[in-house]
N, C-alpha and C. Protein backbone atom coordinates (compact mmCIF):
# COMPACT_ATOMS: atom_id res chain seq x y z
N MET A 1 0.95 -1.07 -0.01
CA MET A 1 -0.06 0.05 0.01
C MET A 1 1.20 1.44 0.21
N PRO A 2 0.92 2.46 -1.09
CA PRO A 2 1.49 3.32 -1.13
C PRO A 2 1.30 4.31 -0.13
N THR A 3 2.05 5.39 0.38
CA THR A 3 2.09 6.12 1.69
C THR A 3 1.82 7.05 1.31
N VAL A 4 0.81 7.97 1.83
CA VAL A 4 0.07 9.28 1.27
C VAL A 4 0.94 10.35 2.02
N PRO A 5 1.13 11.72 1.31
CA PRO A 5 1.71 12.61 2.57
C PRO A 5 0.36 13.37 3.47
N ARG A 6 1.14 13.41 4.43
CA ARG A 6 0.11 14.06 5.18
C ARG A 6 -0.88 15.57 4.97
N PHE A 7 -0.80 15.83 3.78
CA PHE A 7 -1.21 16.92 3.47
C PHE A 7 -2.62 16.61 2.83
N VAL A 8 -2.55 15.50 1.93
CA VAL A 8 -3.39 14.46 1.25
C VAL A 8 -4.56 14.23 2.87
N THR A 9 -3.44 13.51 3.45
CA THR A 9 -4.94 13.00 4.33
C THR A 9 -5.51 13.99 5.29
N ALA A 10 -4.77 14.97 5.64
CA ALA A 10 -5.36 16.16 6.29
C ALA A 10 -6.37 16.88 5.26
N ALA A 11 -6.45 16.56 4.19
CA ALA A 11 -7.92 16.76 2.98
C ALA A 11 -8.64 16.38 3.18
N LEU A 12 -8.52 14.74 4.04
CA LEU A 12 -9.57 14.07 3.74
C LEU A 12 -10.47 14.10 5.52
N SER A 13 -11.26 14.39 5.19
CA SER A 13 -12.15 14.30 6.72
C SER A 13 -11.71 13.11 6.99
N TYR A 14 -11.38 12.85 8.05
CA TYR A 14 -11.54 11.48 8.93
C TYR A 14 -10.41 10.16 8.28
N ALA A 15 -10.34 10.61 7.49
CA ALA A 15 -9.27 9.79 7.00
C ALA A 15 -8.28 8.66 7.39
N ASP A 16 -8.44 7.82 7.11
CA ASP A 16 -7.74 6.06 7.36
C ASP A 16 -6.82 6.48 6.67
N SER A 17 -5.54 6.56 6.52
CA SER A 17 -4.55 6.62 5.84
C SER A 17 -3.93 5.48 5.42
N ALA A 18 -4.01 4.12 6.45
CA ALA A 18 -3.95 2.81 5.76
C ALA A 18 -4.96 2.49 4.51
N ALA A 19 -5.56 2.88 4.93
CA ALA A 19 -7.04 2.70 3.38
C ALA A 19 -6.73 3.32 2.01
N VAL A 20 -6.10 4.28 2.01
CA VAL A 20 -5.86 4.92 0.98
C VAL A 20 -5.77 3.92 -0.23
N ARG A 21 -5.90 3.94 -1.58
CA ARG A 21 -5.69 3.40 -2.50
C ARG A 21 -5.37 4.14 -3.38
N ASN A 22 -4.46 3.26 -4.67
CA ASN A 22 -4.96 4.23 -5.68
C ASN A 22 -4.17 5.75 -6.41
N CYS A 23 -3.35 5.45 -5.55
CA CYS A 23 -2.27 6.91 -5.26
C CYS A 23 -2.15 7.32 -6.52
N GLY A 24 -1.78 6.69 -7.25
CA GLY A 24 -0.61 7.11 -8.84
C GLY A 24 -1.56 7.69 -9.78
N THR A 25 -2.63 7.57 -9.98
CA THR A 25 -3.82 8.24 -10.43
C THR A 25 -5.22 9.06 -9.88
N ALA A 26 -4.21 9.53 -8.98
CA ALA A 26 -4.70 10.39 -8.28
C ALA A 26 -6.53 10.83 -7.98
N SER A 27 -6.40 9.37 -7.36
CA SER A 27 -8.02 9.32 -7.31
C SER A 27 -7.15 8.52 -5.97
N TYR A 28 -8.19 9.03 -4.59
CA TYR A 28 -7.94 9.03 -3.36
C TYR A 28 -9.27 8.02 -2.72
N THR A 29 -9.07 7.68 -1.99
CA THR A 29 -9.98 6.38 -1.30
C THR A 29 -9.82 6.05 0.32
N ASP A 30 -10.78 6.41 0.78
CA ASP A 30 -10.46 6.30 2.28
C ASP A 30 -11.50 5.68 2.73
N ARG A 31 -11.51 5.47 4.38
CA ARG A 31 -12.71 4.62 5.10
C ARG A 31 -12.98 5.77 6.00
N LEU A 32 -14.38 6.44 5.71
CA LEU A 32 -15.00 6.98 6.93
C LEU A 32 -15.80 6.98 7.76
N SER A 33 -15.22 6.97 8.77
CA SER A 33 -15.83 6.43 10.19
C SER A 33 -17.01 6.97 10.60
N ILE A 34 -18.00 7.00 10.39
CA ILE A 34 -19.22 8.30 11.35
C ILE A 34 -19.90 7.06 11.93
N ASP A 35 -20.22 7.35 13.40
CA ASP A 35 -20.90 6.24 14.02
C ASP A 35 -20.54 4.73 13.82
N GLY A 36 -19.15 4.51 13.82
CA GLY A 36 -18.47 2.98 14.05
C GLY A 36 -18.96 2.44 12.14
N GLN A 37 -19.01 2.69 11.51
CA GLN A 37 -20.01 2.69 10.42
C GLN A 37 -18.16 3.11 9.10
N HIS A 38 -18.23 1.62 8.44
CA HIS A 38 -17.15 2.50 7.60
C HIS A 38 -17.66 2.39 6.14
N ARG A 39 -17.66 3.48 5.43
CA ARG A 39 -18.08 3.74 4.01
C ARG A 39 -16.42 3.71 3.49
N PRO A 40 -16.71 3.58 2.08
CA PRO A 40 -15.46 3.92 1.00
C PRO A 40 -15.90 5.60 0.41
N ARG A 41 -14.57 6.14 0.05
CA ARG A 41 -14.88 7.78 -0.31
C ARG A 41 -14.16 8.16 -1.32
N ILE A 42 -14.70 8.67 -2.04
CA ILE A 42 -13.86 8.74 -3.24
C ILE A 42 -12.70 10.07 -3.84
N MET A 43 -11.79 10.77 -3.64
CA MET A 43 -11.38 11.73 -4.06
C MET A 43 -10.81 11.99 -5.63
N LYS A 44 -11.43 12.73 -6.15
CA LYS A 44 -10.39 13.28 -7.71
C LYS A 44 -9.97 14.59 -7.85
N PHE A 45 -9.05 14.56 -8.22
CA PHE A 45 -8.24 15.51 -8.50
C PHE A 45 -8.51 15.84 -10.32
N HIS A 46 -8.55 16.74 -10.69
CA HIS A 46 -9.02 17.38 -11.77
C HIS A 46 -7.80 18.77 -12.19
N VAL A 47 -7.19 18.67 -13.26
CA VAL A 47 -6.48 19.66 -13.66
C VAL A 47 -8.10 20.70 -14.61
N THR A 48 -7.82 22.12 -13.86
CA THR A 48 -9.06 22.55 -14.97
C THR A 48 -8.47 23.93 -15.42
N THR A 49 -8.43 24.73 -16.54
CA THR A 49 -7.87 25.60 -16.52
C THR A 49 -8.57 26.43 -17.50
N PRO A 50 -8.70 27.97 -16.39
CA PRO A 50 -9.89 28.69 -16.28
C PRO A 50 -9.82 29.47 -18.17
N ALA A 51 -10.65 29.78 -18.47
CA ALA A 51 -10.85 30.37 -20.23
C ALA A 51 -10.26 31.69 -19.93
N GLY A 52 -9.51 32.37 -21.36
CA GLY A 52 -9.05 33.26 -21.32
C GLY A 52 -7.81 33.60 -20.55
N GLN A 53 -7.48 32.40 -19.64
CA GLN A 53 -6.11 33.07 -18.84
C GLN A 53 -4.68 31.84 -19.47
N ASN A 54 -3.65 32.46 -19.18
CA ASN A 54 -2.24 31.44 -20.13
C ASN A 54 -1.80 30.82 -18.54
N LEU A 55 -1.14 30.07 -18.90
CA LEU A 55 -1.21 28.87 -18.00
C LEU A 55 -0.26 28.34 -18.72
N PHE A 56 0.91 27.99 -18.26
CA PHE A 56 2.86 27.55 -18.38
C PHE A 56 1.88 25.99 -18.09
N THR A 57 1.99 25.09 -19.31
CA THR A 57 1.33 23.86 -19.55
C THR A 57 2.63 22.72 -19.66
N GLY A 58 4.46 23.68 -20.04
CA GLY A 58 5.89 23.13 -20.67
C GLY A 58 6.87 24.09 -20.43
N TYR A 59 7.70 22.63 -20.24
CA TYR A 59 8.84 23.78 -20.07
C TYR A 59 9.69 22.49 -20.26
N GLY A 60 11.48 22.83 -21.01
CA GLY A 60 12.47 22.01 -21.40
C GLY A 60 13.49 22.59 -21.60
N ASP A 61 14.46 22.26 -22.21
CA ASP A 61 15.53 22.44 -22.77
C ASP A 61 15.21 23.64 -23.57
N GLY A 62 15.48 25.07 -23.54
CA GLY A 62 15.37 25.67 -24.76
C GLY A 62 13.99 25.80 -24.95
N TYR A 63 12.95 26.11 -24.20
CA TYR A 63 11.67 26.23 -24.80
C TYR A 63 10.95 26.43 -23.41
N VAL A 64 9.47 26.86 -23.38
CA VAL A 64 9.09 26.62 -22.43
C VAL A 64 6.89 26.59 -23.03
N ALA A 65 6.33 26.30 -23.13
CA ALA A 65 4.86 25.74 -23.42
C ALA A 65 3.59 26.84 -22.71
N ILE A 66 3.33 27.54 -23.57
CA ILE A 66 1.78 28.19 -22.88
C ILE A 66 0.59 28.07 -22.98
N ASN A 67 -0.36 27.30 -22.91
CA ASN A 67 -1.56 26.89 -23.55
C ASN A 67 -1.65 26.43 -24.62
N SER A 68 -0.56 24.79 -24.23
CA SER A 68 0.00 24.37 -25.09
C SER A 68 0.66 24.83 -26.34
N GLU A 69 1.36 26.12 -26.65
CA GLU A 69 1.84 26.51 -27.59
C GLU A 69 3.48 26.92 -26.87
N ARG A 70 3.82 25.84 -27.80
CA ARG A 70 5.65 25.91 -27.20
C ARG A 70 6.28 27.32 -28.03
N TYR A 71 7.46 28.02 -27.17
CA TYR A 71 8.08 29.27 -27.10
C TYR A 71 9.41 29.03 -27.24
N GLU A 72 10.57 29.72 -27.56
CA GLU A 72 11.69 28.97 -28.09
C GLU A 72 12.41 30.15 -27.95
N HIS A 73 11.61 31.61 -27.71
CA HIS A 73 12.33 32.98 -27.80
C HIS A 73 11.63 33.54 -26.25
N PRO A 74 12.78 34.58 -25.71
CA PRO A 74 11.92 34.99 -24.52
C PRO A 74 10.46 35.75 -25.09
N VAL A 75 9.90 35.26 -24.04
CA VAL A 75 8.05 36.34 -23.84
C VAL A 75 8.23 36.47 -22.42
N LEU A 76 7.18 37.63 -22.15
CA LEU A 76 6.43 37.88 -21.77
C LEU A 76 4.88 37.56 -21.12
N VAL A 77 4.60 37.11 -20.14
CA VAL A 77 3.24 36.53 -19.75
C VAL A 77 2.36 36.94 -18.88
N SER A 78 1.10 37.66 -18.89
CA SER A 78 0.21 38.01 -17.90
C SER A 78 -0.30 36.99 -17.47
N PRO A 79 -1.65 37.20 -16.67
CA PRO A 79 -2.93 35.95 -16.41
C PRO A 79 -3.24 36.37 -18.02
N GLU A 80 -4.07 37.53 -18.33
CA GLU A 80 -4.84 37.28 -19.40
C GLU A 80 -3.89 38.08 -20.61
N GLY A 81 -4.65 37.74 -21.63
CA GLY A 81 -3.88 38.86 -22.85
C GLY A 81 -2.86 37.87 -23.65
N ALA A 82 -2.36 38.83 -24.67
CA ALA A 82 -1.62 38.42 -25.77
C ALA A 82 -0.14 38.03 -25.30
N ILE A 83 0.52 37.06 -25.36
CA ILE A 83 2.11 36.66 -24.59
C ILE A 83 2.94 37.40 -25.92
N GLU A 84 3.68 38.09 -25.35
CA GLU A 84 4.17 38.56 -26.29
C GLU A 84 5.84 38.40 -26.29
N PRO A 85 6.31 38.36 -27.55
CA PRO A 85 8.43 37.84 -27.10
C PRO A 85 8.60 39.54 -26.47
N TRP A 86 9.50 39.10 -25.63
CA TRP A 86 10.17 40.17 -24.62
C TRP A 86 11.58 40.36 -25.42
N ASP A 87 12.04 41.64 -25.57
CA ASP A 87 13.30 42.34 -26.56
C ASP A 87 14.30 41.63 -25.98
N ALA A 88 14.63 41.19 -24.51
CA ALA A 88 15.86 41.08 -24.02
C ALA A 88 16.36 39.37 -24.45
N SER A 89 17.40 39.54 -25.08
CA SER A 89 17.57 38.41 -26.17
C SER A 89 18.77 37.27 -25.04
N SER A 90 19.27 38.01 -23.59
CA SER A 90 19.84 36.91 -22.72
C SER A 90 19.58 37.53 -21.00
N PHE A 91 20.56 36.97 -20.55
CA PHE A 91 20.30 37.30 -19.34
C PHE A 91 21.25 38.62 -18.99
N ASP A 92 22.67 38.49 -20.18
CA ASP A 92 23.51 39.38 -19.90
C ASP A 92 23.21 40.68 -20.71
N ALA A 93 22.40 40.33 -21.41
CA ALA A 93 22.06 42.03 -21.91
C ALA A 93 20.79 42.65 -21.27
N LEU A 94 20.25 42.29 -20.31
CA LEU A 94 19.21 42.65 -19.41
C LEU A 94 19.29 44.48 -19.29
N THR A 95 18.58 45.21 -19.62
CA THR A 95 18.83 46.83 -18.41
C THR A 95 17.85 47.48 -18.37
N ARG A 96 18.38 48.45 -17.67
CA ARG A 96 16.72 48.90 -16.82
C ARG A 96 15.74 49.03 -17.10
N GLU A 97 15.84 49.52 -18.85
CA GLU A 97 14.73 49.75 -19.42
C GLU A 97 13.88 48.46 -19.46
N HIS A 98 14.12 47.79 -19.84
CA HIS A 98 13.89 46.30 -20.02
C HIS A 98 12.73 46.04 -18.50
N PHE A 99 13.26 46.37 -16.91
CA PHE A 99 12.24 46.29 -16.47
C PHE A 99 11.24 47.70 -16.38
N GLU A 100 11.85 48.47 -16.18
CA GLU A 100 10.98 49.82 -16.38
C GLU A 100 9.60 49.48 -17.24
N ALA A 101 10.08 49.10 -18.38
CA ALA A 101 9.02 48.48 -19.46
C ALA A 101 8.05 48.03 -18.31
N LEU A 102 8.06 47.15 -18.09
CA LEU A 102 6.91 46.21 -16.86
C LEU A 102 6.69 47.20 -16.25
N LEU A 103 6.26 48.09 -15.95
CA LEU A 103 5.74 48.74 -14.63
C LEU A 103 4.20 49.08 -15.38
N ALA A 104 4.49 49.38 -16.94
CA ALA A 104 2.95 50.45 -17.74
C ALA A 104 2.11 49.18 -17.82
N ARG A 105 2.52 47.57 -17.26
CA ARG A 105 1.15 46.66 -17.16
C ARG A 105 1.16 46.77 -15.79
N GLY A 106 1.65 47.27 -14.92
CA GLY A 106 0.85 47.73 -13.88
C GLY A 106 0.50 46.48 -13.02
N PRO A 107 1.64 45.44 -12.75
CA PRO A 107 1.86 44.05 -11.75
C PRO A 107 2.12 44.86 -10.60
N GLU A 108 1.67 43.70 -9.58
CA GLU A 108 1.70 43.61 -8.16
C GLU A 108 2.96 43.15 -8.17
N LEU A 109 3.67 42.09 -9.42
CA LEU A 109 4.37 40.90 -9.19
C LEU A 109 5.36 40.89 -10.39
N VAL A 110 6.57 40.63 -10.39
CA VAL A 110 7.21 40.55 -11.58
C VAL A 110 8.17 39.03 -11.43
N LEU A 111 8.04 37.90 -11.94
CA LEU A 111 8.63 36.86 -11.97
C LEU A 111 9.87 37.39 -12.73
N LEU A 112 10.87 36.65 -12.87
CA LEU A 112 12.22 36.60 -14.17
C LEU A 112 12.60 35.31 -13.55
N GLY A 113 12.51 35.06 -15.00
CA GLY A 113 12.92 33.45 -15.14
C GLY A 113 14.15 33.41 -15.94
N THR A 114 15.09 33.18 -15.24
CA THR A 114 17.03 33.55 -15.91
C THR A 114 17.05 32.29 -16.30
N GLY A 115 16.56 31.45 -16.92
CA GLY A 115 16.95 30.40 -17.57
C GLY A 115 17.11 28.90 -16.96
N ASP A 116 17.97 28.26 -17.38
CA ASP A 116 18.61 26.98 -16.49
C ASP A 116 18.94 26.96 -15.20
N THR A 117 19.91 27.97 -14.97
CA THR A 117 19.97 28.43 -13.39
C THR A 117 19.40 29.99 -13.16
N LEU A 118 19.62 29.83 -11.78
CA LEU A 118 19.04 30.91 -11.39
C LEU A 118 20.40 32.08 -11.41
N ARG A 119 20.04 33.28 -11.59
CA ARG A 119 20.86 34.17 -11.34
C ARG A 119 20.17 35.82 -10.95
N PHE A 120 20.83 36.31 -10.33
CA PHE A 120 20.24 37.30 -9.86
C PHE A 120 20.60 39.06 -10.78
N PRO A 121 19.80 39.53 -11.19
CA PRO A 121 20.24 40.88 -12.06
C PRO A 121 21.09 41.92 -10.52
N ARG A 122 21.52 42.97 -11.46
CA ARG A 122 21.96 43.83 -10.30
C ARG A 122 21.00 44.42 -10.04
N PRO A 123 21.35 45.29 -8.87
CA PRO A 123 20.37 45.97 -7.94
C PRO A 123 19.78 47.08 -8.69
N GLU A 124 20.74 47.57 -9.49
CA GLU A 124 20.50 49.16 -10.27
C GLU A 124 19.40 48.70 -11.65
N LEU A 125 19.74 47.36 -12.19
CA LEU A 125 18.51 46.80 -13.26
C LEU A 125 16.74 47.22 -12.63
N THR A 126 16.76 46.91 -11.62
CA THR A 126 15.01 46.59 -10.76
C THR A 126 14.66 47.73 -9.85
N ARG A 127 15.94 48.87 -9.87
CA ARG A 127 15.81 49.83 -8.87
C ARG A 127 13.80 50.48 -8.77
N ALA A 128 14.07 50.74 -10.42
CA ALA A 128 12.26 50.98 -10.67
C ALA A 128 11.29 50.29 -10.36
N LEU A 129 11.23 49.43 -10.21
CA LEU A 129 10.62 48.18 -9.36
C LEU A 129 10.16 48.73 -7.74
N ALA A 130 11.49 48.70 -7.25
CA ALA A 130 11.29 48.58 -6.26
C ALA A 130 10.87 50.25 -5.92
N ALA A 131 11.14 51.49 -6.70
CA ALA A 131 10.82 52.47 -6.19
C ALA A 131 9.00 52.50 -6.38
N ALA A 132 8.87 51.47 -7.27
CA ALA A 132 7.03 51.97 -7.39
C ALA A 132 6.09 50.93 -6.54
N GLY A 133 6.94 50.03 -5.77
CA GLY A 133 6.31 49.53 -4.83
C GLY A 133 6.12 47.99 -5.60
N THR A 134 6.47 47.61 -6.49
CA THR A 134 6.17 46.27 -7.33
C THR A 134 7.02 45.00 -6.88
N GLY A 135 6.93 43.83 -6.12
CA GLY A 135 7.29 42.81 -6.01
C GLY A 135 7.95 41.83 -6.95
N PHE A 136 9.30 41.82 -6.77
CA PHE A 136 10.21 41.13 -7.32
C PHE A 136 10.68 40.20 -7.59
N GLU A 137 10.91 39.32 -8.36
CA GLU A 137 11.33 37.79 -7.61
C GLU A 137 12.23 36.89 -9.24
N ALA A 138 13.97 36.81 -9.07
CA ALA A 138 14.40 36.17 -9.81
C ALA A 138 14.25 34.89 -9.47
N MET A 139 14.52 34.17 -10.35
CA MET A 139 14.72 32.51 -10.26
C MET A 139 14.76 31.81 -11.77
N ASP A 140 15.27 30.56 -11.80
CA ASP A 140 15.56 29.87 -12.95
C ASP A 140 14.07 29.42 -13.80
N THR A 141 13.49 29.43 -14.42
CA THR A 141 12.81 29.24 -15.63
C THR A 141 11.77 28.46 -15.26
N LYS A 142 12.42 27.36 -15.32
CA LYS A 142 11.65 25.77 -14.69
C LYS A 142 10.66 26.84 -13.66
N ALA A 143 11.13 27.42 -12.36
CA ALA A 143 10.44 27.73 -11.00
C ALA A 143 9.78 28.73 -11.04
N ALA A 144 10.17 29.12 -12.41
CA ALA A 144 9.32 31.02 -12.61
C ALA A 144 7.89 30.12 -13.49
N CYS A 145 8.00 30.01 -14.00
CA CYS A 145 6.77 28.84 -14.38
C CYS A 145 5.81 28.11 -13.74
N ARG A 146 6.62 27.21 -12.87
CA ARG A 146 5.71 26.99 -11.54
C ARG A 146 5.06 27.67 -10.54
N THR A 147 5.54 29.18 -10.28
CA THR A 147 5.03 29.86 -9.57
C THR A 147 3.81 30.98 -10.11
N PHE A 148 4.64 31.01 -11.43
CA PHE A 148 3.48 31.95 -12.25
C PHE A 148 1.97 30.88 -12.26
N ASN A 149 1.95 29.98 -12.08
CA ASN A 149 0.69 29.62 -12.28
C ASN A 149 0.03 29.48 -10.94
N ILE A 150 0.67 28.54 -10.26
CA ILE A 150 0.13 29.48 -8.66
C ILE A 150 -0.70 30.44 -8.83
N LEU A 151 0.24 31.35 -8.49
CA LEU A 151 -0.07 33.25 -8.72
C LEU A 151 -1.18 33.50 -9.41
N MET A 152 -1.34 33.00 -10.84
CA MET A 152 -2.36 33.25 -11.75
C MET A 152 -3.66 32.98 -11.17
N ALA A 153 -3.45 31.77 -10.60
CA ALA A 153 -4.59 30.60 -10.30
C ALA A 153 -5.37 31.72 -8.69
N GLU A 154 -4.55 31.79 -8.13
CA GLU A 154 -4.94 33.14 -7.06
C GLU A 154 -5.81 34.60 -7.79
N GLY A 155 -5.17 34.54 -8.58
CA GLY A 155 -5.96 35.67 -9.04
C GLY A 155 -4.92 37.01 -8.94
N ARG A 156 -3.61 36.77 -8.99
CA ARG A 156 -2.90 37.75 -8.41
C ARG A 156 -2.17 38.77 -10.07
N ARG A 157 -2.14 40.25 -10.04
CA ARG A 157 -1.76 40.23 -10.62
C ARG A 157 -0.04 40.20 -11.13
N VAL A 158 0.70 39.25 -11.76
CA VAL A 158 1.87 39.19 -11.79
C VAL A 158 1.90 39.04 -13.53
N ILE A 159 3.43 39.02 -13.62
CA ILE A 159 3.53 39.31 -15.43
C ILE A 159 5.10 37.99 -15.09
N ALA A 160 5.01 37.20 -15.92
CA ALA A 160 6.23 36.48 -16.28
C ALA A 160 7.57 37.42 -17.12
N ALA A 161 8.83 36.71 -16.67
CA ALA A 161 9.31 37.58 -18.16
C ALA A 161 10.74 36.56 -17.81
N ILE A 162 10.31 35.80 -19.21
CA ILE A 162 10.95 34.60 -18.90
C ILE A 162 12.51 34.58 -20.25
N LEU A 163 13.17 34.28 -19.83
CA LEU A 163 14.63 33.70 -20.59
C LEU A 163 14.15 32.32 -20.73
N VAL A 164 14.76 32.29 -22.47
CA VAL A 164 14.38 30.22 -22.50
C VAL A 164 15.83 30.09 -22.77
């Protein structure tokens, strides 16, 4: 019998973790005990994509996929609207103007995906974001994609500036 992470058993009210089955298929069954009665209970997880919103659906060496469309060049992604090419050709080519241009979009947070490895831009490049009270996080591109999806699902005004 597979082991179930604590957060899954916590999500199942009155779950008997020893009775959980089919963990590999994202279908969780437990035995619910109410008044000594054991009844099977199933909880299924489904991936949902809000209509009209951008979602990273994949990434790999030299590309990201947004709404199942592959991009092999730097992109700017917000939860809604068009996915736009970003004129930053590489991490070393980043300038203050690249980050200042993001402010016109009104984000509360900017995620910078720096490619395969995490790199931090020089502080003078992101000074305009800090002065405007806009949050900024640098991370490798794969982490930026995952983080964007979470923040987008929370309804946050986030922009991902992705270098591939």
